Every structure is written in structure tokens, then in C-alpha cells.
Amino acid sequence: MPTIRRLLVVLPPADLAGRRVVHSHHPILTAYQAASAEAAGAEVRVLDCALDGVEPALVATLAREFDAVAIHPFEYRRELPIDTTLAVIGALRGQRVAVLNVGLGAQEEGKLFDAGAEVVVHGDSERPLGDWVRGTLAPGDGVRLGGGLGTARGRRESDLSSLPFPAWHLFSPGRYRPSPHRWRRLPTFPVLGARSCPYACDFCPQSIFHSSGTFSPRTAASIAAEVEHLVSRHGARDIEFYDPTWGVQREVALELCDRLSRQSPRVTWSCLVRADLVDDTLLAAMSRAGCHGILVGVESGSEAMLRATGKKVDHAQVRATFALARRHGIDTIASFIVGLPGETPSSAQATLRLACELDATYAQFHLARDHFGRERWLSRGHTEEGWDVGGYSISGRAYVPAGMDRPALARAHRACYAGFYLRPGYIFRRVSALRDPIELRRLGAGLRMLAGAVS
């Protein structure tokens, strides 16, 4: 297998027309893979087709000056239909193509090879990509080569602490638009302290490429070193931890807080937590270390619907977490899902009531997405084939619970946003909290997003 000198790393377009989507999440998995290809000796360029509005045929034109193309169809918080990846591979006929980080089921693997892929990697792809660049890639766990060589269901999990830091110098990170409630200062950069999550909530898209059985944590020293690198190399002032669940390993979390509190200059940061994993001691340490915000997955105002997801967190734990965060001066984001199996207009109203009772600093209400076609979901509703593509995201296939339709879901979704954010008392508190120009910038960006949600 020949070595690769020049490699084009491609994130597929949002749709076959090449619609432009300015994502609210940085493509951190692709940045890891680009760094591994560079470490293996390749000259690397990254093309984010959705961000640049590039259609599949144009990818082939841009790829002519490269020895090979690596395609990453499933990015963090970017659930794409496989059709766009297939279209890109088809346009690249005659080019060497590897498809990375393919989802667990591998149901589309045959289509990828039929379209012209040379290599398909299941799961973490950094080391196989490096081997491909060096010309030493062999079939094995998680690696399939054209002609059916290799095992289809095996996986390779990366030791994140041993990987090179994500190659943000190959991107224009400022072109992505993180939601304003997720950052305090700019520039802001993402960090992964762990991949996957040991919990198995049945709504979570993380399992597309990292199941609950593949939890891969890093050491506190490695995470702190990356933060220091982002500050010195890229001028980072704020960090958003992309861990699906931050603080799974309590001692690592406390050690990281200690290390971050001693770094200079210090960063502010935010993370996603479970209500049953944080307590007064940990939140106090997080606040001292610069944590300005936590996102808490509340999911639903219905305890019964929440239990059915396998989340195993109750409303009493959620209420306690929000109260403790307020005590320590940490902003809170209450995250909900509208349209889970069993949802009704009445349960959606219960979700809004809980959101207002928690009185979080911010709330977000996602529409349910069916990523796996699980029996529990399909027995209580149906999945629509079309992918929802908006100005900030590519959201996956819409799920419609029995007894509701898309217009009813849209009304419930808008009602949640309007009911939470248009409360006079909430508006007064947010306006009163404005202190500096960057707060005004965040408020303006938030109002634009809210207008889109309730329109």
C-alpha cells in the first residue's frame, strides 16, 4: 500500500445541493484525525463542505491535487445522512478514499465500498488513519479494506491521552458559531476530556460512533496540558468541554479543577453534567477553577417518560443540582427534549412548567430525533425520512410520537421557548445582568436564535 504525501480530510455537505450550514459545534473529531495524519507525515488540508457550501461534485475538483481523501461522515453533534458521503465518494471515482469513524451498525458499509471507498474504519480512526498515511494499514479489528478484508464489527478505541492535540491550525475556528449560552469569553475552543459515556440513555446520538461500553477517559494532566496549549497557541480564553458527561471519574474531575485553578492565564469554561454526579464539593471546586456554566440534561417534565429513556435521574436530583449551582454562582442550562415516545401536549406543558420552576439561566428544547430505529420508539410513534437542516445544525431524522403530528410538535416546541424566555421576570433579570459589551453581543446572538426557534 503506497504512502500518502498530501491528504484532503473532508466533512461531507449538509445535503446533495451543498447547502451552507454554519455549525454551532467545532468539528473536534475531524481535528483529532487531521492531527494524526499530520503526525504520520502527511501534508493535510481540511474541507468542511457544509460550512463552505460545497456540493459533492466540487469536492472531486478540489481533491485533484491530493493523493487521497479521508471522509468523516459522523461529527460531534452533526448527524448526517449517509447519502451525502456516498455522493462525495461517487464523485471521487479513481481517487483513494478512506471513510472514518463509521457508526456501530455498519449497515451502510457495503454501499460505501460499492461507491468506491478503499478503506472503512469503524470507531476511533486516528491510528488506522496514521497507518494508511504511512502505507502500513492492515485489516483487523475495526478496519475493512476493499474486497471484504478485515472484520466488520470490530472496533479500535483510542487512548486519548496519547493522541496529538486536535489540529485547529488547519481550521478557521472563528467561523463556527457556538451558541451564546455556552461561552463567556472569546475565542472559545472545545476540549474532549473523555469519549463516550458509560450511561445508555436511548435518545443520545453519541452511540452512533461511541457506545456506552466504549468510555475512553483522559488523565487530568493531559486535559490541563491541552488547555494550556490552546491558550498559548490559539489565544483561547474560554473552553467548552465536549464530554457527553463531564465528571464521570470524580477524582479526575477534582484534580483537573485543581490544575486549572493554578494555570495562568486562567480560562473560563463550561461542561455537560448529570444531576446525580455533581454535589456541593465538586461544584465548589469547579467554580474556583473558572467554571461559568453547566448544561444539565433534564430531558422531560414527565418522570415516567424520563424513566423510560434509561436516564436514571429524577427531578429531585435535578432540582438539587440547580439550587447548588446557583449557590456557587455557576450559570445553568436546562436541556430538554420535546417529542420523546409517549409525548403529549400535556406532557410538553409539564416540561415547560419544570423549566420555569428550575429557573435556569438558560433553557434549550431539542426536538426528538430517532437515530437508531429502536423498537420502543417505533412502537410509540414513527420516524420521518427527511433530515432537518437549519442554519446552525444538521439534526437527523425527525421522530413523531403517536397522537401528535409535525405541526403539533412544532407548536409545542415554540411554546416551550416562548413560555420560558418571554417571562417578564426572566427578561428583567437577564437585562439587569448585562455588564459589558461582550454580554450585549451574547444577548444579541441569543435573541436571533430565539427568534428562529419561535418563528
Protein backbone atom coordinates (compact mmCIF):
# COMPACT_ATOMS: atom_id res chain seq x y z
CA MET A 1 0.00 0.00 0.00
CA PRO A 2 1.62 3.31 -1.09
CA THR A 3 2.26 6.16 1.32
CA ILE A 4 0.19 9.35 1.20
CA ARG A 5 2.01 12.67 0.95
CA ARG A 6 -0.95 15.04 0.54
CA LEU A 7 -4.27 14.26 2.21
CA LEU A 8 -7.61 16.04 1.96
CA VAL A 9 -9.82 15.48 5.02
CA VAL A 10 -13.47 16.05 4.14
CA LEU A 11 -16.58 16.68 6.20
CA PRO A 12 -19.50 15.93 3.83
CA PRO A 13 -22.03 18.54 2.72
CA ALA A 14 -25.29 19.09 4.58
CA ASP A 15 -27.30 17.90 1.59
CA LEU A 16 -26.79 16.99 -2.04
CA ALA A 17 -27.22 20.61 -3.11
CA GLY A 18 -24.34 21.73 -0.89
CA ARG A 19 -26.37 23.94 1.42
CA ARG A 20 -24.26 26.16 3.68
CA VAL A 21 -24.58 25.48 7.42
CA VAL A 22 -22.57 27.45 9.98
CA HIS A 23 -22.30 24.92 12.79
CA SER A 24 -22.55 25.75 16.47
CA HIS A 25 -20.07 22.98 17.35
CA HIS A 26 -16.46 22.79 16.23
CA PRO A 27 -15.59 19.54 14.35
CA ILE A 28 -13.35 18.17 17.09
CA LEU A 29 -13.27 14.53 15.93
CA THR A 30 -12.09 15.60 12.49
CA ALA A 31 -9.48 17.85 14.11
CA TYR A 32 -8.13 14.84 16.01
CA GLN A 33 -7.90 12.80 12.83
CA ALA A 34 -6.22 15.59 10.89
CA ALA A 35 -3.62 15.87 13.67
CA SER A 36 -2.92 12.13 13.48
CA ALA A 37 -2.47 12.32 9.70
CA GLU A 38 -0.02 15.20 10.14
CA ALA A 39 1.87 13.28 12.81
CA ALA A 40 2.20 10.40 10.34
CA GLY A 41 3.91 12.71 7.85
CA ALA A 42 1.15 13.90 5.52
CA GLU A 43 0.51 17.44 4.37
CA VAL A 44 -3.14 17.89 5.35
CA ARG A 45 -5.92 20.20 4.30
CA VAL A 46 -9.42 20.12 5.80
CA LEU A 47 -12.59 20.85 3.81
CA ASP A 48 -15.85 21.35 5.73
CA CYS A 49 -18.34 21.15 2.89
CA ALA A 50 -21.33 22.26 4.95
CA LEU A 51 -19.50 25.28 6.33
CA ASP A 52 -18.23 26.31 2.89
CA GLY A 53 -21.36 25.37 0.94
CA VAL A 54 -19.57 22.82 -1.26
CA GLU A 55 -21.54 20.26 -3.24
CA PRO A 56 -20.23 16.71 -3.90
CA ALA A 57 -19.10 17.34 -7.48
CA LEU A 58 -16.95 20.28 -6.41
CA VAL A 59 -15.17 18.10 -3.84
CA ALA A 60 -13.80 15.99 -6.70
CA THR A 61 -12.41 19.10 -8.38
CA LEU A 62 -10.75 20.31 -5.19
CA ALA A 63 -9.32 16.84 -4.48
CA ARG A 64 -7.34 16.53 -7.73
CA GLU A 65 -4.15 17.92 -6.20
CA PHE A 66 -4.21 15.41 -3.32
CA ASP A 67 -3.01 11.81 -3.15
CA ALA A 68 -6.02 10.64 -1.15
CA VAL A 69 -9.21 11.74 0.62
CA ALA A 70 -10.40 10.83 4.12
CA ILE A 71 -14.11 11.37 4.74
CA HIS A 72 -15.63 11.73 8.21
CA PRO A 73 -19.43 11.28 7.88
CA PHE A 74 -20.35 11.50 11.59
CA GLU A 75 -19.05 14.52 13.53
CA TYR A 76 -19.79 15.70 17.05
CA ARG A 77 -23.42 16.94 17.16
CA ARG A 78 -23.65 16.60 13.39
CA GLU A 79 -25.79 13.62 12.45
CA LEU A 80 -25.65 13.38 8.66
CA PRO A 81 -27.49 11.10 6.24
CA ILE A 82 -25.09 8.64 4.62
CA ASP A 83 -26.31 9.82 1.19
CA THR A 84 -24.04 12.87 1.21
CA THR A 85 -20.98 10.74 1.96
CA LEU A 86 -21.93 8.30 -0.81
CA ALA A 87 -22.33 11.18 -3.24
CA VAL A 88 -18.88 12.53 -2.38
CA ILE A 89 -17.25 9.09 -2.78
CA GLY A 90 -19.05 8.62 -6.09
CA ALA A 91 -17.72 11.95 -7.34
CA LEU A 92 -14.19 10.90 -6.33
CA ARG A 93 -14.03 7.86 -8.64
CA GLY A 94 -10.40 6.92 -9.23
CA GLN A 95 -9.25 8.64 -6.02
CA ARG A 96 -8.06 6.76 -2.95
CA VAL A 97 -10.76 7.20 -0.28
CA ALA A 98 -10.99 6.20 3.39
CA VAL A 99 -14.22 6.57 5.36
CA LEU A 100 -13.58 7.15 9.08
CA ASN A 101 -15.44 6.73 12.34
CA VAL A 102 -18.31 4.81 10.77
CA GLY A 103 -21.28 4.08 13.04
CA LEU A 104 -21.64 0.90 15.05
CA GLY A 105 -24.17 -0.95 12.94
CA ALA A 106 -22.13 -0.83 9.71
CA GLN A 107 -25.39 -1.29 7.80
CA GLU A 108 -24.18 1.03 5.06
CA GLU A 109 -20.71 -0.48 4.78
CA GLY A 110 -21.46 -2.29 1.52
CA LYS A 111 -22.75 0.93 -0.03
CA LEU A 112 -19.53 2.71 0.93
CA PHE A 113 -17.40 0.09 -0.82
CA ASP A 114 -19.73 -0.04 -3.82
CA ALA A 115 -19.39 3.74 -4.15
CA GLY A 116 -15.60 3.40 -4.32
CA ALA A 117 -14.14 3.53 -0.80
CA GLU A 118 -10.78 1.81 -0.32
CA VAL A 119 -10.91 1.70 3.49
CA VAL A 120 -13.73 1.79 6.05
CA VAL A 121 -12.85 2.24 9.73
CA HIS A 122 -15.35 1.55 12.50
CA GLY A 123 -14.94 3.53 15.70
CA ASP A 124 -11.93 5.65 16.62
CA SER A 125 -9.90 6.24 13.48
CA GLU A 126 -6.79 8.19 14.44
CA ARG A 127 -4.32 5.29 14.48
CA PRO A 128 -5.72 3.50 11.40
CA LEU A 129 -5.59 6.80 9.52
CA GLY A 130 -1.94 7.25 10.51
CA ASP A 131 -1.18 3.73 9.30
CA TRP A 132 -2.95 4.45 6.00
CA VAL A 133 -0.85 7.58 5.50
CA ARG A 134 2.35 5.62 6.21
CA GLY A 135 1.28 2.80 3.88
CA THR A 136 1.22 0.22 6.69
CA LEU A 137 -2.54 -0.23 7.21
CA ALA A 138 -3.63 -3.85 7.51
CA PRO A 139 -7.11 -5.30 8.01
CA GLY A 140 -8.05 -6.07 11.59
CA ASP A 141 -10.41 -5.06 14.35
CA GLY A 142 -12.46 -2.15 13.09
CA VAL A 143 -10.65 -1.88 9.74
CA ARG A 144 -12.16 -3.09 6.48
CA LEU A 145 -10.33 -2.90 3.18
CA GLY A 146 -11.90 -3.14 -0.26
CA GLY A 147 -12.61 -6.71 -1.22
CA GLY A 148 -14.00 -7.62 2.18
CA LEU A 149 -10.73 -7.97 4.05
CA GLY A 150 -10.96 -7.41 7.79
CA THR A 151 -13.64 -7.83 10.42
CA ALA A 152 -16.85 -5.89 10.01
CA ARG A 153 -17.85 -5.36 13.61
CA GLY A 154 -14.58 -4.98 15.46
CA ARG A 155 -13.53 -1.62 16.86
CA ARG A 156 -10.36 0.16 17.91
CA GLU A 157 -10.61 2.59 20.81
CA SER A 158 -8.02 5.34 21.14
CA ASP A 159 -6.07 6.22 24.26
CA LEU A 160 -6.95 9.90 24.10
CA SER A 161 -4.12 10.95 26.38
CA SER A 162 -1.59 9.61 23.88
CA LEU A 163 -3.03 11.32 20.78
CA PRO A 164 -1.70 14.60 19.38
CA PHE A 165 -3.90 17.58 20.23
CA PRO A 166 -6.57 18.47 17.66
CA ALA A 167 -5.12 20.32 14.65
CA TRP A 168 -7.03 23.59 14.96
CA HIS A 169 -4.33 25.37 12.91
CA LEU A 170 -5.84 23.61 9.86
CA PHE A 171 -9.25 25.19 10.52
CA SER A 172 -10.69 28.68 10.89
CA PRO A 173 -12.23 28.08 14.33
CA GLY A 174 -13.76 31.54 14.49
CA ARG A 175 -16.07 30.68 11.59
CA TYR A 176 -18.07 28.32 13.78
CA ARG A 177 -20.73 29.92 15.99
CA PRO A 178 -21.08 28.32 19.42
CA SER A 179 -24.45 29.05 20.96
CA PRO A 180 -24.09 32.20 23.12
CA HIS A 181 -25.20 30.48 26.31
CA ARG A 182 -22.24 28.09 26.05
CA TRP A 183 -19.38 30.61 26.21
CA ARG A 184 -18.40 33.51 28.44
CA ARG A 185 -15.39 34.96 26.54
CA LEU A 186 -13.91 34.68 23.05
CA PRO A 187 -12.14 32.94 21.50
CA THR A 188 -13.64 29.71 22.79
CA PHE A 189 -12.36 26.23 21.92
CA PRO A 190 -13.64 22.72 22.61
CA VAL A 191 -11.83 20.03 24.59
CA LEU A 192 -12.72 16.35 24.97
CA GLY A 193 -11.82 15.02 28.39
CA ALA A 194 -13.43 11.69 27.51
CA ARG A 195 -15.15 10.00 24.62
CA SER A 196 -18.43 8.18 25.02
CA CYS A 197 -20.45 7.97 28.20
CA PRO A 198 -20.98 4.93 30.45
CA TYR A 199 -24.71 5.67 30.63
CA ALA A 200 -27.04 4.35 27.95
CA CYS A 201 -29.84 6.90 27.51
CA ASP A 202 -31.77 5.76 24.46
CA PHE A 203 -32.11 9.21 22.86
CA CYS A 204 -28.41 10.09 22.73
CA PRO A 205 -26.73 10.34 19.30
CA GLN A 206 -23.29 9.68 20.84
CA SER A 207 -23.91 5.96 20.38
CA ILE A 208 -23.74 6.40 16.62
CA PHE A 209 -19.97 6.19 16.97
CA HIS A 210 -19.26 5.64 20.69
CA SER A 211 -21.43 3.18 22.58
CA SER A 212 -21.80 3.25 26.36
CA GLY A 213 -19.40 0.31 26.56
CA THR A 214 -16.51 2.26 24.99
CA PHE A 215 -15.98 5.01 27.58
CA SER A 216 -12.48 6.43 26.94
CA PRO A 217 -11.30 8.92 29.59
CA ARG A 218 -8.13 11.04 29.67
CA THR A 219 -5.87 11.93 32.56
CA ALA A 220 -6.27 15.29 34.26
CA ALA A 221 -2.68 16.14 33.33
CA SER A 222 -3.35 15.54 29.64
CA ILE A 223 -6.51 17.66 29.66
CA ALA A 224 -4.83 20.52 31.50
CA ALA A 225 -1.90 20.40 29.06
CA GLU A 226 -4.27 20.75 26.11
CA VAL A 227 -5.97 23.74 27.72
CA GLU A 228 -2.56 25.34 28.24
CA HIS A 229 -1.70 24.60 24.58
CA LEU A 230 -4.94 26.24 23.38
CA VAL A 231 -4.18 29.35 25.42
CA SER A 232 -0.57 29.69 24.26
CA ARG A 233 -1.04 28.62 20.61
CA HIS A 234 -4.52 29.91 19.79
CA GLY A 235 -5.23 32.56 22.41
CA ALA A 236 -8.14 30.63 23.93
CA ARG A 237 -9.92 32.41 26.77
CA ASP A 238 -12.86 30.05 27.19
CA ILE A 239 -13.16 26.26 26.97
CA GLU A 240 -16.23 24.16 26.31
CA PHE A 241 -15.78 20.57 27.39
CA TYR A 242 -17.46 18.37 24.80
CA ASP A 243 -17.54 15.27 27.04
CA PRO A 244 -21.02 13.75 26.74
CA THR A 245 -20.92 13.57 30.55
CA TRP A 246 -18.26 15.58 32.39
CA GLY A 247 -17.03 14.34 35.77
CA VAL A 248 -17.75 10.62 35.40
CA GLN A 249 -14.46 9.97 37.21
CA ARG A 250 -14.79 12.18 40.27
CA GLU A 251 -11.14 12.15 41.33
CA VAL A 252 -10.01 13.09 37.81
CA ALA A 253 -12.54 15.95 37.81
CA LEU A 254 -11.28 17.27 41.14
CA GLU A 255 -7.66 17.01 40.04
CA LEU A 256 -8.46 18.82 36.80
CA CYS A 257 -10.17 21.61 38.74
CA ASP A 258 -7.06 21.96 40.89
CA ARG A 259 -4.78 22.13 37.85
CA LEU A 260 -6.98 24.65 36.02
CA SER A 261 -7.20 26.87 39.09
CA ARG A 262 -3.38 27.11 39.12
CA GLN A 263 -2.89 27.86 35.43
CA SER A 264 -2.02 31.38 34.30
CA PRO A 265 -3.64 32.96 32.44
CA ARG A 266 -6.79 31.24 33.63
CA VAL A 267 -9.61 30.28 31.31
CA THR A 268 -13.32 30.23 31.94
CA TRP A 269 -15.10 27.03 30.97
CA SER A 270 -18.35 25.10 30.77
CA CYS A 271 -19.37 21.45 30.60
CA LEU A 272 -22.26 18.96 30.40
CA VAL A 273 -23.14 17.13 33.62
CA ARG A 274 -25.56 14.60 35.05
CA ALA A 275 -27.52 15.76 38.08
CA ASP A 276 -26.55 12.66 40.05
CA LEU A 277 -22.79 13.15 39.57
CA VAL A 278 -22.28 16.66 40.96
CA ASP A 279 -22.55 17.79 44.56
CA ASP A 280 -21.60 20.75 46.72
CA THR A 281 -17.91 19.80 46.96
CA LEU A 282 -17.43 19.26 43.23
CA LEU A 283 -19.39 22.37 42.20
CA ALA A 284 -17.35 24.47 44.63
CA ALA A 285 -14.12 23.16 43.07
CA MET A 286 -15.47 23.79 39.57
CA SER A 287 -16.39 27.38 40.43
CA ARG A 288 -12.92 28.05 41.88
CA ALA A 289 -11.36 26.64 38.71
CA GLY A 290 -13.26 29.02 36.41
CA CYS A 291 -16.39 27.05 35.52
CA HIS A 292 -19.02 29.57 34.47
CA GLY A 293 -21.75 27.23 33.26
CA ILE A 294 -23.08 23.69 33.35
CA LEU A 295 -25.56 22.10 30.98
CA VAL A 296 -27.83 19.63 32.77
CA GLY A 297 -29.80 17.09 30.78
CA VAL A 298 -33.27 17.32 32.34
CA GLU A 299 -34.97 15.94 29.21
CA SER A 300 -38.65 15.91 30.24
CA GLY A 301 -41.16 17.25 32.70
CA SER A 302 -42.68 13.77 32.86
CA GLU A 303 -40.97 11.43 35.34
CA ALA A 304 -42.47 8.41 33.56
CA MET A 305 -41.09 9.45 30.16
CA LEU A 306 -37.72 10.20 31.75
CA ARG A 307 -37.52 6.73 33.36
CA ALA A 308 -38.38 5.08 30.04
CA THR A 309 -35.29 6.58 28.37
CA GLY A 310 -32.94 4.78 30.77
CA LYS A 311 -31.58 8.08 32.06
CA LYS A 312 -31.94 7.05 35.75
CA VAL A 313 -32.05 10.63 37.06
CA ASP A 314 -35.11 12.01 38.81
CA HIS A 315 -36.49 15.52 39.20
CA ALA A 316 -35.49 15.76 42.87
CA GLN A 317 -31.84 15.32 41.88
CA VAL A 318 -32.27 17.88 39.12
CA ARG A 319 -33.79 20.47 41.46
CA ALA A 320 -30.95 19.97 43.95
CA THR A 321 -28.30 20.46 41.26
CA PHE A 322 -29.79 23.73 40.04
CA ALA A 323 -30.02 25.06 43.59
CA LEU A 324 -26.38 24.16 44.29
CA ALA A 325 -25.18 25.74 41.05
CA ARG A 326 -26.90 29.00 41.94
CA ARG A 327 -25.23 28.91 45.36
CA HIS A 328 -21.81 28.71 43.70
CA GLY A 329 -22.52 31.36 41.07
CA ILE A 330 -22.49 28.92 38.14
CA ASP A 331 -24.86 29.57 35.25
CA THR A 332 -27.15 26.70 34.32
CA ILE A 333 -28.53 25.45 31.02
CA ALA A 334 -31.54 23.17 31.37
CA SER A 335 -31.69 20.89 28.34
CA PHE A 336 -34.99 19.27 27.35
CA ILE A 337 -36.26 17.07 24.53
CA VAL A 338 -39.70 17.65 23.07
CA GLY A 339 -41.33 14.70 21.32
CA LEU A 340 -39.93 11.64 23.11
CA PRO A 341 -42.00 8.44 22.91
CA GLY A 342 -45.19 8.99 24.90
CA GLU A 343 -45.13 12.78 24.50
CA THR A 344 -48.49 14.56 24.51
CA PRO A 345 -49.41 18.25 24.54
CA SER A 346 -49.99 17.84 28.29
CA SER A 347 -46.52 16.38 28.98
CA ALA A 348 -44.92 19.09 26.83
CA GLN A 349 -46.64 21.66 29.05
CA ALA A 350 -45.24 19.82 32.09
CA THR A 351 -41.77 20.21 30.58
CA LEU A 352 -42.30 23.95 30.26
CA ARG A 353 -43.56 24.17 33.85
CA LEU A 354 -40.47 22.34 35.14
CA ALA A 355 -38.18 24.58 33.10
CA CYS A 356 -39.77 27.67 34.62
CA GLU A 357 -39.66 26.15 38.13
CA LEU A 358 -35.93 25.38 37.83
CA ASP A 359 -35.45 28.96 36.65
CA ALA A 360 -32.22 28.06 34.88
CA THR A 361 -30.08 30.80 33.42
CA TYR A 362 -30.92 29.37 30.01
CA ALA A 363 -33.05 26.55 28.63
CA GLN A 364 -32.84 24.66 25.38
CA PHE A 365 -35.55 22.47 23.91
CA HIS A 366 -34.50 19.94 21.29
CA LEU A 367 -36.92 18.08 19.07
CA ALA A 368 -36.57 14.32 19.45
CA ARG A 369 -34.53 12.52 16.80
CA ASP A 370 -34.62 8.79 16.12
CA HIS A 371 -31.05 7.78 15.29
CA PHE A 372 -31.42 4.02 15.70
CA GLY A 373 -34.98 2.90 14.88
CA ARG A 374 -35.33 1.23 18.27
CA GLU A 375 -38.44 -0.89 18.87
CA ARG A 376 -39.56 1.20 21.84
CA TRP A 377 -39.55 4.32 19.71
CA LEU A 378 -41.19 2.79 16.64
CA SER A 379 -43.92 1.11 18.72
CA ARG A 380 -44.93 4.51 20.09
CA GLY A 381 -44.56 6.71 17.03
CA HIS A 382 -42.86 6.92 13.66
CA THR A 383 -39.66 8.27 12.13
CA GLU A 384 -39.74 10.54 9.12
CA GLU A 385 -37.08 10.00 6.49
CA GLY A 386 -36.12 13.61 5.84
CA TRP A 387 -33.18 15.19 7.67
CA ASP A 388 -33.80 18.57 9.23
CA VAL A 389 -31.18 21.07 8.07
CA GLY A 390 -31.13 24.53 9.60
CA GLY A 391 -28.79 27.48 9.75
CA TYR A 392 -26.85 26.06 12.71
CA SER A 393 -27.24 22.29 12.57
CA ILE A 394 -27.99 19.09 10.73
CA SER A 395 -30.29 17.38 13.16
CA GLY A 396 -31.11 13.89 11.96
CA ARG A 397 -34.41 12.18 11.24
CA ALA A 398 -37.46 13.67 12.91
CA TYR A 399 -39.42 11.47 15.31
CA VAL A 400 -43.17 11.94 15.76
CA PRO A 401 -44.79 10.29 18.82
CA ALA A 402 -48.19 8.62 18.45
CA GLY A 403 -51.07 11.03 18.96
CA MET A 404 -49.12 14.04 17.65
CA ASP A 405 -48.08 15.25 14.22
CA ARG A 406 -45.30 17.52 12.97
CA PRO A 407 -47.39 20.73 13.26
CA ALA A 408 -48.40 19.83 16.84
CA LEU A 409 -44.78 19.14 17.74
CA ALA A 410 -43.69 22.43 16.21
CA ARG A 411 -46.32 24.28 18.23
CA ALA A 412 -45.23 22.57 21.46
CA HIS A 413 -41.60 23.35 20.68
CA ARG A 414 -42.29 27.03 20.04
CA ALA A 415 -44.48 27.24 23.15
CA CYS A 416 -41.64 25.93 25.32
CA TYR A 417 -39.17 28.52 24.04
CA ALA A 418 -41.66 31.38 24.19
CA GLY A 419 -43.01 30.34 27.59
CA PHE A 420 -39.54 30.20 29.13
CA TYR A 421 -37.79 33.19 27.58
CA LEU A 422 -40.65 35.69 27.30
CA ARG A 423 -41.46 35.75 31.02
CA PRO A 424 -41.27 39.39 32.19
CA GLY A 425 -39.31 38.46 35.31
CA TYR A 426 -36.79 36.46 33.29
CA ILE A 427 -36.30 39.30 30.80
CA PHE A 428 -35.77 41.80 33.62
CA ARG A 429 -33.14 39.60 35.31
CA ARG A 430 -31.22 38.97 32.09
CA VAL A 431 -31.17 42.64 31.11
CA SER A 432 -30.16 43.63 34.65
CA ALA A 433 -27.23 41.20 34.48
CA LEU A 434 -25.64 42.96 31.48
CA ARG A 435 -22.24 44.25 32.47
CA ASP A 436 -20.04 44.69 29.39
CA PRO A 437 -20.08 44.75 25.55
CA ILE A 438 -19.49 41.02 25.20
CA GLU A 439 -22.64 40.38 27.26
CA LEU A 440 -24.54 42.55 24.81
CA ARG A 441 -23.06 40.51 21.96
CA ARG A 442 -24.16 37.27 23.60
CA LEU A 443 -27.63 38.69 24.19
CA GLY A 444 -27.95 39.74 20.56
CA ALA A 445 -26.88 36.32 19.30
CA GLY A 446 -29.27 34.65 21.72
CA LEU A 447 -32.18 36.80 20.60
CA ARG A 448 -31.50 35.89 16.97
CA MET A 449 -31.54 32.18 17.83
CA LEU A 450 -34.70 32.60 19.91
CA ALA A 451 -36.41 34.38 17.03
CA GLY A 452 -35.63 31.41 14.82
CA ALA A 453 -36.95 28.95 17.39
CA VAL A 454 -40.31 30.65 17.91
CA SER A 455 -40.91 31.77 14.33
